[in-house]
Amino acid sequence: METIVTGRHFEVSDALKNYVNGKINSIISEYHKITSARVVLAQEKTRAKAEIIIHGKHINYEADSESFDMHRSIDEAVTKIDKQLSKHFDKVQDHHKIYKTEKLQE
């Protein structure tokens, strides 16, 4: 899986890249159909913004968060994208489980 971390209006440090990669890889490892993740970090005066874009097989999700601290923005965006992905994969898995249980009852 490919993870791209870029900064808008500032240079992203290696420590921040490692922090983002750790957060992204921890949630992405659960979902095997994801092919790439793009993280865009923006700094505007006192505001920090994190935007995460996930691509995969029939999967395109975005989440963003804005706060005064970059780490907090990243954490909130990761939480949002994790919620979207878990909801997507629960729907897909539940659909197949219902079909299997109906077949077993017949």
PDB file of N, CA and C in Angstrom:
ATOM      1  N   MET A   1       0.828  -1.172   0.000  1.00  0.00           N
ATOM      2  CA  MET A   1       0.000   0.000   0.000  1.00  0.00           C
ATOM      3  C   MET A   1       0.878   1.243   0.000  1.00  0.00           C
ATOM      4  N   GLU A   2       0.428   2.236  -0.711  1.00  0.00           N
ATOM      5  CA  GLU A   2       1.180   3.474  -0.878  1.00  0.00           C
ATOM      6  C   GLU A   2       0.599   4.555   0.029  1.00  0.00           C
ATOM      7  N   THR A   3       1.443   5.199   0.811  1.00  0.00           N
ATOM      8  CA  THR A   3       1.030   6.304   1.671  1.00  0.00           C
ATOM      9  C   THR A   3       1.839   7.529   1.292  1.00  0.00           C
ATOM     10  N   ILE A   4       1.146   8.600   0.931  1.00  0.00           N
ATOM     11  CA  ILE A   4       1.794   9.846   0.531  1.00  0.00           C
ATOM     12  C   ILE A   4       1.428  10.920   1.542  1.00  0.00           C
ATOM     13  N   VAL A   5       2.423  11.554   2.124  1.00  0.00           N
ATOM     14  CA  VAL A   5       2.214  12.633   3.095  1.00  0.00           C
ATOM     15  C   VAL A   5       2.803  13.904   2.503  1.00  0.00           C
ATOM     16  N   THR A   6       1.956  14.930   2.315  1.00  0.00           N
ATOM     17  CA  THR A   6       2.421  16.190   1.759  1.00  0.00           C
ATOM     18  C   THR A   6       1.984  17.332   2.665  1.00  0.00           C
ATOM     19  N   GLY A   7       2.683  18.441   2.538  1.00  0.00           N
ATOM     20  CA  GLY A   7       2.357  19.628   3.322  1.00  0.00           C
ATOM     21  C   GLY A   7       1.988  20.780   2.417  1.00  0.00           C
ATOM     22  N   ARG A   8       1.035  21.537   2.846  1.00  0.00           N
ATOM     23  CA  ARG A   8       0.599  22.717   2.101  1.00  0.00           C
ATOM     24  C   ARG A   8       1.001  23.944   2.915  1.00  0.00           C
ATOM     25  N   HIS A   9       1.818  24.787   2.362  1.00  0.00           N
ATOM     26  CA  HIS A   9       2.309  26.021   2.981  1.00  0.00           C
ATOM     27  C   HIS A   9       3.332  25.782   4.089  1.00  0.00           C
ATOM     28  N   PHE A  10       3.865  24.568   4.198  1.00  0.00           N
ATOM     29  CA  PHE A  10       4.958  24.316   5.131  1.00  0.00           C
ATOM     30  C   PHE A  10       5.633  23.003   4.779  1.00  0.00           C
ATOM     31  N   GLU A  11       6.823  22.814   5.288  1.00  0.00           N
ATOM     32  CA  GLU A  11       7.602  21.605   5.047  1.00  0.00           C
ATOM     33  C   GLU A  11       7.289  20.590   6.147  1.00  0.00           C
ATOM     34  N   VAL A  12       6.915  19.382   5.764  1.00  0.00           N
ATOM     35  CA  VAL A  12       6.560  18.338   6.728  1.00  0.00           C
ATOM     36  C   VAL A  12       7.836  17.692   7.251  1.00  0.00           C
ATOM     37  N   SER A  13       7.986  17.670   8.571  1.00  0.00           N
ATOM     38  CA  SER A  13       9.186  17.078   9.177  1.00  0.00           C
ATOM     39  C   SER A  13       9.102  15.551   9.134  1.00  0.00           C
ATOM     40  N   ASP A  14      10.253  14.907   9.302  1.00  0.00           N
ATOM     41  CA  ASP A  14      10.291  13.445   9.301  1.00  0.00           C
ATOM     42  C   ASP A  14       9.520  12.869  10.487  1.00  0.00           C
ATOM     43  N   ALA A  15       9.582  13.544  11.626  1.00  0.00           N
ATOM     44  CA  ALA A  15       8.859  13.074  12.807  1.00  0.00           C
ATOM     45  C   ALA A  15       7.347  13.094  12.561  1.00  0.00           C
ATOM     46  N   LEU A  16       6.865  14.151  11.905  1.00  0.00           N
ATOM     47  CA  LEU A  16       5.436  14.246  11.595  1.00  0.00           C
ATOM     48  C   LEU A  16       5.033  13.204  10.557  1.00  0.00           C
ATOM     49  N   LYS A  17       5.892  12.946   9.569  1.00  0.00           N
ATOM     50  CA  LYS A  17       5.612  11.906   8.571  1.00  0.00           C
ATOM     51  C   LYS A  17       5.531  10.532   9.229  1.00  0.00           C
ATOM     52  N   ASN A  18       6.458  10.255  10.142  1.00  0.00           N
ATOM     53  CA  ASN A  18       6.428   8.975  10.853  1.00  0.00           C
ATOM     54  C   ASN A  18       5.180   8.842  11.710  1.00  0.00           C
ATOM     55  N   TYR A  19       4.760   9.936  12.333  1.00  0.00           N
ATOM     56  CA  TYR A  19       3.548   9.921  13.152  1.00  0.00           C
ATOM     57  C   TYR A  19       2.322   9.598  12.291  1.00  0.00           C
ATOM     58  N   VAL A  20       2.226  10.266  11.144  1.00  0.00           N
ATOM     59  CA  VAL A  20       1.094  10.046  10.227  1.00  0.00           C
ATOM     60  C   VAL A  20       1.115   8.619   9.692  1.00  0.00           C
ATOM     61  N   ASN A  21       2.281   8.146   9.261  1.00  0.00           N
ATOM     62  CA  ASN A  21       2.384   6.782   8.727  1.00  0.00           C
ATOM     63  C   ASN A  21       1.996   5.751   9.775  1.00  0.00           C
ATOM     64  N   GLY A  22       2.389   5.964  11.008  1.00  0.00           N
ATOM     65  CA  GLY A  22       2.013   5.038  12.077  1.00  0.00           C
ATOM     66  C   GLY A  22       0.512   4.991  12.291  1.00  0.00           C
ATOM     67  N   LYS A  23      -0.110   6.157  12.305  1.00  0.00           N
ATOM     68  CA  LYS A  23      -1.562   6.230  12.494  1.00  0.00           C
ATOM     69  C   LYS A  23      -2.308   5.595  11.321  1.00  0.00           C
ATOM     70  N   ILE A  24      -1.893   5.921  10.103  1.00  0.00           N
ATOM     71  CA  ILE A  24      -2.563   5.404   8.909  1.00  0.00           C
ATOM     72  C   ILE A  24      -2.382   3.891   8.810  1.00  0.00           C
ATOM     73  N   ASN A  25      -1.172   3.417   9.002  1.00  0.00           N
ATOM     74  CA  ASN A  25      -0.911   1.979   8.881  1.00  0.00           C
ATOM     75  C   ASN A  25      -1.643   1.164   9.935  1.00  0.00           C
ATOM     76  N   SER A  26      -1.884   1.743  11.096  1.00  0.00           N
ATOM     77  CA  SER A  26      -2.596   0.995  12.137  1.00  0.00           C
ATOM     78  C   SER A  26      -4.050   0.736  11.751  1.00  0.00           C
ATOM     79  N   ILE A  27      -4.693   1.676  11.067  1.00  0.00           N
ATOM     80  CA  ILE A  27      -6.090   1.435  10.676  1.00  0.00           C
ATOM     81  C   ILE A  27      -6.190   0.740   9.320  1.00  0.00           C
ATOM     82  N   ILE A  28      -5.246   1.005   8.427  1.00  0.00           N
ATOM     83  CA  ILE A  28      -5.297   0.441   7.083  1.00  0.00           C
ATOM     84  C   ILE A  28      -5.009  -1.061   7.086  1.00  0.00           C
ATOM     85  N   SER A  29      -4.229  -1.525   8.047  1.00  0.00           N
ATOM     86  CA  SER A  29      -3.861  -2.941   8.081  1.00  0.00           C
ATOM     87  C   SER A  29      -5.085  -3.847   8.248  1.00  0.00           C
ATOM     88  N   GLU A  30      -6.175  -3.313   8.780  1.00  0.00           N
ATOM     89  CA  GLU A  30      -7.399  -4.090   8.959  1.00  0.00           C
ATOM     90  C   GLU A  30      -8.164  -4.294   7.650  1.00  0.00           C
ATOM     91  N   TYR A  31      -7.977  -3.403   6.694  1.00  0.00           N
ATOM     92  CA  TYR A  31      -8.756  -3.405   5.463  1.00  0.00           C
ATOM     93  C   TYR A  31      -7.838  -3.744   4.289  1.00  0.00           C
ATOM     94  N   HIS A  32      -8.026  -4.906   3.707  1.00  0.00           N
ATOM     95  CA  HIS A  32      -7.110  -5.412   2.688  1.00  0.00           C
ATOM     96  C   HIS A  32      -7.359  -4.867   1.282  1.00  0.00           C
ATOM     97  N   LYS A  33      -8.470  -4.209   1.020  1.00  0.00           N
ATOM     98  CA  LYS A  33      -8.769  -3.739  -0.329  1.00  0.00           C
ATOM     99  C   LYS A  33      -8.265  -2.319  -0.607  1.00  0.00           C
ATOM    100  N   ILE A  34      -7.600  -1.697   0.341  1.00  0.00           N
ATOM    101  CA  ILE A  34      -7.123  -0.329   0.176  1.00  0.00           C
ATOM    102  C   ILE A  34      -5.769  -0.351  -0.526  1.00  0.00           C
ATOM    103  N   THR A  35      -5.649   0.488  -1.574  1.00  0.00           N
ATOM    104  CA  THR A  35      -4.407   0.519  -2.347  1.00  0.00           C
ATOM    105  C   THR A  35      -3.553   1.736  -2.043  1.00  0.00           C
ATOM    106  N   SER A  36      -4.156   2.883  -1.716  1.00  0.00           N
ATOM    107  CA  SER A  36      -3.348   4.069  -1.447  1.00  0.00           C
ATOM    108  C   SER A  36      -4.036   4.986  -0.447  1.00  0.00           C
ATOM    109  N   ALA A  37      -3.204   5.739   0.247  1.00  0.00           N
ATOM    110  CA  ALA A  37      -3.694   6.749   1.193  1.00  0.00           C
ATOM    111  C   ALA A  37      -2.888   8.013   0.978  1.00  0.00           C
ATOM    112  N   ARG A  38      -3.575   9.130   0.855  1.00  0.00           N
ATOM    113  CA  ARG A  38      -2.917  10.424   0.675  1.00  0.00           C
ATOM    114  C   ARG A  38      -3.308  11.309   1.854  1.00  0.00           C
ATOM    115  N   VAL A  39      -2.307  11.881   2.495  1.00  0.00           N
ATOM    116  CA  VAL A  39      -2.530  12.768   3.635  1.00  0.00           C
ATOM    117  C   VAL A  39      -1.966  14.134   3.281  1.00  0.00           C
ATOM    118  N   VAL A  40      -2.830  15.151   3.354  1.00  0.00           N
ATOM    119  CA  VAL A  40      -2.419  16.521   3.060  1.00  0.00           C
ATOM    120  C   VAL A  40      -2.537  17.314   4.358  1.00  0.00           C
ATOM    121  N   LEU A  41      -1.423  17.867   4.796  1.00  0.00           N
ATOM    122  CA  LEU A  41      -1.382  18.669   6.013  1.00  0.00           C
ATOM    123  C   LEU A  41      -1.213  20.129   5.623  1.00  0.00           C
ATOM    124  N   ALA A  42      -2.015  21.006   6.212  1.00  0.00           N
ATOM    125  CA  ALA A  42      -1.958  22.423   5.884  1.00  0.00           C
ATOM    126  C   ALA A  42      -1.805  23.240   7.161  1.00  0.00           C
ATOM    127  N   GLN A  43      -0.997  24.279   7.069  1.00  0.00           N
ATOM    128  CA  GLN A  43      -0.788  25.177   8.193  1.00  0.00           C
ATOM    129  C   GLN A  43      -1.190  26.574   7.756  1.00  0.00           C
ATOM    130  N   GLU A  44      -2.163  27.175   8.453  1.00  0.00           N
ATOM    131  CA  GLU A  44      -2.638  28.523   8.141  1.00  0.00           C
ATOM    132  C   GLU A  44      -2.645  29.332   9.432  1.00  0.00           C
ATOM    133  N   LYS A  45      -1.723  30.250   9.562  1.00  0.00           N
ATOM    134  CA  LYS A  45      -1.551  31.050  10.775  1.00  0.00           C
ATOM    135  C   LYS A  45      -1.560  30.153  12.002  1.00  0.00           C
ATOM    136  N   THR A  46      -2.648  30.158  12.774  1.00  0.00           N
ATOM    137  CA  THR A  46      -2.697  29.331  13.989  1.00  0.00           C
ATOM    138  C   THR A  46      -3.496  28.053  13.792  1.00  0.00           C
ATOM    139  N   ARG A  47      -4.082  27.865  12.629  1.00  0.00           N
ATOM    140  CA  ARG A  47      -4.913  26.693  12.378  1.00  0.00           C
ATOM    141  C   ARG A  47      -4.114  25.599  11.668  1.00  0.00           C
ATOM    142  N   ALA A  48      -4.357  24.368  12.065  1.00  0.00           N
ATOM    143  CA  ALA A  48      -3.726  23.214  11.426  1.00  0.00           C
ATOM    144  C   ALA A  48      -4.837  22.340  10.858  1.00  0.00           C
ATOM    145  N   LYS A  49      -4.673  21.912   9.615  1.00  0.00           N
ATOM    146  CA  LYS A  49      -5.695  21.121   8.952  1.00  0.00           C
ATOM    147  C   LYS A  49      -5.080  19.833   8.417  1.00  0.00           C
ATOM    148  N   ALA A  50      -5.775  18.718   8.624  1.00  0.00           N
ATOM    149  CA  ALA A  50      -5.344  17.423   8.104  1.00  0.00           C
ATOM    150  C   ALA A  50      -6.461  16.861   7.237  1.00  0.00           C
ATOM    151  N   GLU A  51      -6.089  16.399   6.054  1.00  0.00           N
ATOM    152  CA  GLU A  51      -7.053  15.824   5.110  1.00  0.00           C
ATOM    153  C   GLU A  51      -6.527  14.461   4.678  1.00  0.00           C
ATOM    154  N   ILE A  52      -7.365  13.435   4.781  1.00  0.00           N
ATOM    155  CA  ILE A  52      -6.973  12.073   4.423  1.00  0.00           C
ATOM    156  C   ILE A  52      -7.874  11.592   3.293  1.00  0.00           C
ATOM    157  N   ILE A  53      -7.261  11.051   2.246  1.00  0.00           N
ATOM    158  CA  ILE A  53      -7.997  10.518   1.106  1.00  0.00           C
ATOM    159  C   ILE A  53      -7.565   9.065   0.928  1.00  0.00           C
ATOM    160  N   ILE A  54      -8.547   8.154   0.937  1.00  0.00           N
ATOM    161  CA  ILE A  54      -8.294   6.723   0.828  1.00  0.00           C
ATOM    162  C   ILE A  54      -8.857   6.223  -0.500  1.00  0.00           C
ATOM    163  N   HIS A  55      -8.042   5.468  -1.237  1.00  0.00           N
ATOM    164  CA  HIS A  55      -8.481   4.850  -2.488  1.00  0.00           C
ATOM    165  C   HIS A  55      -8.259   3.354  -2.417  1.00  0.00           C
ATOM    166  N   GLY A  56      -9.150   2.622  -3.073  1.00  0.00           N
ATOM    167  CA  GLY A  56      -9.013   1.183  -3.140  1.00  0.00           C
ATOM    168  C   GLY A  56     -10.006   0.627  -4.136  1.00  0.00           C
ATOM    169  N   LYS A  57     -10.196  -0.664  -4.076  1.00  0.00           N
ATOM    170  CA  LYS A  57     -11.127  -1.326  -4.975  1.00  0.00           C
ATOM    171  C   LYS A  57     -12.555  -0.969  -4.561  1.00  0.00           C
ATOM    172  N   HIS A  58     -13.210  -0.141  -5.348  1.00  0.00           N
ATOM    173  CA  HIS A  58     -14.564   0.359  -5.097  1.00  0.00           C
ATOM    174  C   HIS A  58     -14.637   1.156  -3.795  1.00  0.00           C
ATOM    175  N   ILE A  59     -13.530   1.786  -3.408  1.00  0.00           N
ATOM    176  CA  ILE A  59     -13.481   2.558  -2.173  1.00  0.00           C
ATOM    177  C   ILE A  59     -12.839   3.905  -2.460  1.00  0.00           C
ATOM    178  N   ASN A  60     -13.539   4.976  -2.165  1.00  0.00           N
ATOM    179  CA  ASN A  60     -13.006   6.336  -2.250  1.00  0.00           C
ATOM    180  C   ASN A  60     -13.609   7.128  -1.099  1.00  0.00           C
ATOM    181  N   TYR A  61     -12.814   7.391  -0.077  1.00  0.00           N
ATOM    182  CA  TYR A  61     -13.306   8.113   1.084  1.00  0.00           C
ATOM    183  C   TYR A  61     -12.372   9.255   1.425  1.00  0.00           C
ATOM    184  N   GLU A  62     -12.953  10.322   1.986  1.00  0.00           N
ATOM    185  CA  GLU A  62     -12.209  11.487   2.415  1.00  0.00           C
ATOM    186  C   GLU A  62     -12.639  11.874   3.815  1.00  0.00           C
ATOM    187  N   ALA A  63     -11.687  12.374   4.586  1.00  0.00           N
ATOM    188  CA  ALA A  63     -11.983  12.905   5.908  1.00  0.00           C
ATOM    189  C   ALA A  63     -11.022  14.045   6.174  1.00  0.00           C
ATOM    190  N   ASP A  64     -11.518  15.102   6.804  1.00  0.00           N
ATOM    191  CA  ASP A  64     -10.626  16.192   7.167  1.00  0.00           C
ATOM    192  C   ASP A  64     -10.999  16.723   8.537  1.00  0.00           C
ATOM    193  N   SER A  65     -10.026  17.383   9.146  1.00  0.00           N
ATOM    194  CA  SER A  65     -10.216  17.934  10.465  1.00  0.00           C
ATOM    195  C   SER A  65      -9.362  19.182  10.601  1.00  0.00           C
ATOM    196  N   GLU A  66      -9.845  20.121  11.404  1.00  0.00           N
ATOM    197  CA  GLU A  66      -9.134  21.374  11.584  1.00  0.00           C
ATOM    198  C   GLU A  66      -9.143  21.746  13.059  1.00  0.00           C
ATOM    199  N   SER A  67      -7.968  22.094  13.587  1.00  0.00           N
ATOM    200  CA  SER A  67      -7.862  22.522  14.982  1.00  0.00           C
ATOM    201  C   SER A  67      -6.616  23.393  15.129  1.00  0.00           C
ATOM    202  N   PHE A  68      -6.249  23.709  16.367  1.00  0.00           N
ATOM    203  CA  PHE A  68      -5.071  24.535  16.610  1.00  0.00           C
ATOM    204  C   PHE A  68      -3.788  23.709  16.702  1.00  0.00           C
ATOM    205  N   ASP A  69      -3.903  22.395  16.844  1.00  0.00           N
ATOM    206  CA  ASP A  69      -2.752  21.506  16.983  1.00  0.00           C
ATOM    207  C   ASP A  69      -2.746  20.501  15.833  1.00  0.00           C
ATOM    208  N   MET A  70      -1.596  20.325  15.180  1.00  0.00           N
ATOM    209  CA  MET A  70      -1.503  19.431  14.032  1.00  0.00           C
ATOM    210  C   MET A  70      -1.752  17.979  14.428  1.00  0.00           C
ATOM    211  N   HIS A  71      -1.200  17.547  15.550  1.00  0.00           N
ATOM    212  CA  HIS A  71      -1.392  16.164  15.993  1.00  0.00           C
ATOM    213  C   HIS A  71      -2.864  15.875  16.293  1.00  0.00           C
ATOM    214  N   ARG A  72      -3.541  16.829  16.876  1.00  0.00           N
ATOM    215  CA  ARG A  72      -4.975  16.655  17.162  1.00  0.00           C
ATOM    216  C   ARG A  72      -5.776  16.573  15.863  1.00  0.00           C
ATOM    217  N   SER A  73      -5.422  17.394  14.881  1.00  0.00           N
ATOM    218  CA  SER A  73      -6.104  17.353  13.581  1.00  0.00           C
ATOM    219  C   SER A  73      -5.909  16.001  12.915  1.00  0.00           C
ATOM    220  N   ILE A  74      -4.694  15.480  12.983  1.00  0.00           N
ATOM    221  CA  ILE A  74      -4.406  14.172  12.389  1.00  0.00           C
ATOM    222  C   ILE A  74      -5.207  13.085  13.084  1.00  0.00           C
ATOM    223  N   ASP A  75      -5.227  13.110  14.414  1.00  0.00           N
ATOM    224  CA  ASP A  75      -5.967  12.101  15.177  1.00  0.00           C
ATOM    225  C   ASP A  75      -7.458  12.120  14.854  1.00  0.00           C
ATOM    226  N   GLU A  76      -8.035  13.310  14.760  1.00  0.00           N
ATOM    227  CA  GLU A  76      -9.467  13.431  14.457  1.00  0.00           C
ATOM    228  C   GLU A  76      -9.775  12.945  13.039  1.00  0.00           C
ATOM    229  N   ALA A  77      -8.930  13.277  12.077  1.00  0.00           N
ATOM    230  CA  ALA A  77      -9.143  12.837  10.691  1.00  0.00           C
ATOM    231  C   ALA A  77      -9.005  11.324  10.583  1.00  0.00           C
ATOM    232  N   VAL A  78      -8.043  10.744  11.292  1.00  0.00           N
ATOM    233  CA  VAL A  78      -7.870   9.286  11.279  1.00  0.00           C
ATOM    234  C   VAL A  78      -9.089   8.608  11.901  1.00  0.00           C
ATOM    235  N   THR A  79      -9.618   9.176  12.968  1.00  0.00           N
ATOM    236  CA  THR A  79     -10.821   8.619  13.603  1.00  0.00           C
ATOM    237  C   THR A  79     -12.003   8.656  12.638  1.00  0.00           C
ATOM    238  N   LYS A  80     -12.152   9.757  11.913  1.00  0.00           N
ATOM    239  CA  LYS A  80     -13.256   9.887  10.956  1.00  0.00           C
ATOM    240  C   LYS A  80     -13.126   8.874   9.811  1.00  0.00           C
ATOM    241  N   ILE A  81     -11.925   8.735   9.270  1.00  0.00           N
ATOM    242  CA  ILE A  81     -11.744   7.816   8.140  1.00  0.00           C
ATOM    243  C   ILE A  81     -11.904   6.378   8.597  1.00  0.00           C
ATOM    244  N   ASP A  82     -11.481   6.075   9.814  1.00  0.00           N
ATOM    245  CA  ASP A  82     -11.647   4.730  10.357  1.00  0.00           C
ATOM    246  C   ASP A  82     -13.129   4.401  10.518  1.00  0.00           C
ATOM    247  N   LYS A  83     -13.899   5.366  10.956  1.00  0.00           N
ATOM    248  CA  LYS A  83     -15.346   5.166  11.114  1.00  0.00           C
ATOM    249  C   LYS A  83     -16.010   4.918   9.756  1.00  0.00           C
ATOM    250  N   GLN A  84     -15.603   5.675   8.740  1.00  0.00           N
ATOM    251  CA  GLN A  84     -16.163   5.493   7.402  1.00  0.00           C
ATOM    252  C   GLN A  84     -15.812   4.116   6.846  1.00  0.00           C
ATOM    253  N   LEU A  85     -14.553   3.716   7.013  1.00  0.00           N
ATOM    254  CA  LEU A  85     -14.118   2.417   6.493  1.00  0.00           C
ATOM    255  C   LEU A  85     -14.789   1.266   7.228  1.00  0.00           C
ATOM    256  N   SER A  86     -14.913   1.356   8.537  1.00  0.00           N
ATOM    257  CA  SER A  86     -15.553   0.266   9.278  1.00  0.00           C
ATOM    258  C   SER A  86     -17.023   0.153   8.898  1.00  0.00           C
ATOM    259  N   LYS A  87     -17.687   1.289   8.682  1.00  0.00           N
ATOM    260  CA  LYS A  87     -19.086   1.259   8.260  1.00  0.00           C
ATOM    261  C   LYS A  87     -19.219   0.610   6.878  1.00  0.00           C
ATOM    262  N   HIS A  88     -18.314   0.962   5.969  1.00  0.00           N
ATOM    263  CA  HIS A  88     -18.336   0.391   4.621  1.00  0.00           C
ATOM    264  C   HIS A  88     -18.140  -1.124   4.672  1.00  0.00           C
ATOM    265  N   PHE A  89     -17.112  -1.579   5.390  1.00  0.00           N
ATOM    266  CA  PHE A  89     -16.816  -3.004   5.421  1.00  0.00           C
ATOM    267  C   PHE A  89     -17.835  -3.788   6.248  1.00  0.00           C
ATOM    268  N   ASP A  90     -18.480  -3.161   7.235  1.00  0.00           N
ATOM    269  CA  ASP A  90     -19.555  -3.839   7.962  1.00  0.00           C
ATOM    270  C   ASP A  90     -20.750  -4.087   7.057  1.00  0.00           C
ATOM    271  N   LYS A  91     -21.054  -3.112   6.203  1.00  0.00           N
ATOM    272  CA  LYS A  91     -22.164  -3.287   5.265  1.00  0.00           C
ATOM    273  C   LYS A  91     -21.880  -4.433   4.306  1.00  0.00           C
ATOM    274  N   VAL A  92     -20.680  -4.455   3.787  1.00  0.00           N
ATOM    275  CA  VAL A  92     -20.310  -5.504   2.829  1.00  0.00           C
ATOM    276  C   VAL A  92     -20.344  -6.861   3.512  1.00  0.00           C
ATOM    277  N   GLN A  93     -19.790  -6.978   4.691  1.00  0.00           N
ATOM    278  CA  GLN A  93     -19.737  -8.253   5.387  1.00  0.00           C
ATOM    279  C   GLN A  93     -21.116  -8.681   5.880  1.00  0.00           C
ATOM    280  N   ASP A  94     -21.916  -7.766   6.371  1.00  0.00           N
ATOM    281  CA  ASP A  94     -23.239  -8.118   6.848  1.00  0.00           C
ATOM    282  C   ASP A  94     -24.102  -8.663   5.718  1.00  0.00           C
ATOM    283  N   HIS A  95     -23.969  -8.119   4.533  1.00  0.00           N
ATOM    284  CA  HIS A  95     -24.733  -8.581   3.388  1.00  0.00           C
ATOM    285  C   HIS A  95     -24.453 -10.062   3.116  1.00  0.00           C
ATOM    286  N   HIS A  96     -23.214 -10.452   3.177  1.00  0.00           N
ATOM    287  CA  HIS A  96     -22.860 -11.844   2.917  1.00  0.00           C
ATOM    288  C   HIS A  96     -23.282 -12.745   4.076  1.00  0.00           C
ATOM    289  N   LYS A  97     -23.228 -12.256   5.291  1.00  0.00           N
ATOM    290  CA  LYS A  97     -23.616 -13.065   6.432  1.00  0.00           C
ATOM    291  C   LYS A  97     -25.104 -13.370   6.409  1.00  0.00           C
ATOM    292  N   ILE A  98     -25.909 -12.398   6.006  1.00  0.00           N
ATOM    293  CA  ILE A  98     -27.355 -12.619   5.937  1.00  0.00           C
ATOM    294  C   ILE A  98     -27.653 -13.705   4.912  1.00  0.00           C
ATOM    295  N   TYR A  99     -26.980 -13.666   3.786  1.00  0.00           N
ATOM    296  CA  TYR A  99     -27.200 -14.660   2.744  1.00  0.00           C
ATOM    297  C   TYR A  99     -26.830 -16.049   3.252  1.00  0.00           C
ATOM    298  N   LYS A 100     -25.736 -16.158   3.970  1.00  0.00           N
ATOM    299  CA  LYS A 100     -25.299 -17.465   4.476  1.00  0.00           C
ATOM    300  C   LYS A 100     -26.274 -17.991   5.530  1.00  0.00           C
ATOM    301  N   THR A 101     -26.760 -17.140   6.418  1.00  0.00           N
ATOM    302  CA  THR A 101     -27.661 -17.606   7.456  1.00  0.00           C
ATOM    303  C   THR A 101     -29.021 -18.003   6.870  1.00  0.00           C
ATOM    304  N   GLU A 102     -29.464 -17.313   5.834  1.00  0.00           N
ATOM    305  CA  GLU A 102     -30.728 -17.704   5.186  1.00  0.00           C
ATOM    306  C   GLU A 102     -30.590 -19.061   4.521  1.00  0.00           C
ATOM    307  N   LYS A 103     -29.456 -19.324   3.912  1.00  0.00           N
ATOM    308  CA  LYS A 103     -29.244 -20.627   3.279  1.00  0.00           C
ATOM    309  C   LYS A 103     -29.217 -21.745   4.301  1.00  0.00           C
ATOM    310  N   LEU A 104     -28.630 -21.475   5.465  1.00  0.00           N
ATOM    311  CA  LEU A 104     -28.543 -22.499   6.500  1.00  0.00           C
ATOM    312  C   LEU A 104     -29.916 -22.825   7.083  1.00  0.00           C
ATOM    313  N   GLN A 105     -30.816 -21.848   7.123  1.00  0.00           N
ATOM    314  CA  GLN A 105     -32.145 -22.056   7.698  1.00  0.00           C
ATOM    315  C   GLN A 105     -33.042 -22.880   6.784  1.00  0.00           C
ATOM    316  N   GLU A 106     -32.758 -22.880   5.499  1.00  0.00           N
ATOM    317  CA  GLU A 106     -33.614 -23.597   4.544  1.00  0.00           C
ATOM    318  C   GLU A 106     -33.448 -25.058   4.605  1.00  0.00           C
TER     319      GLU A 106
END
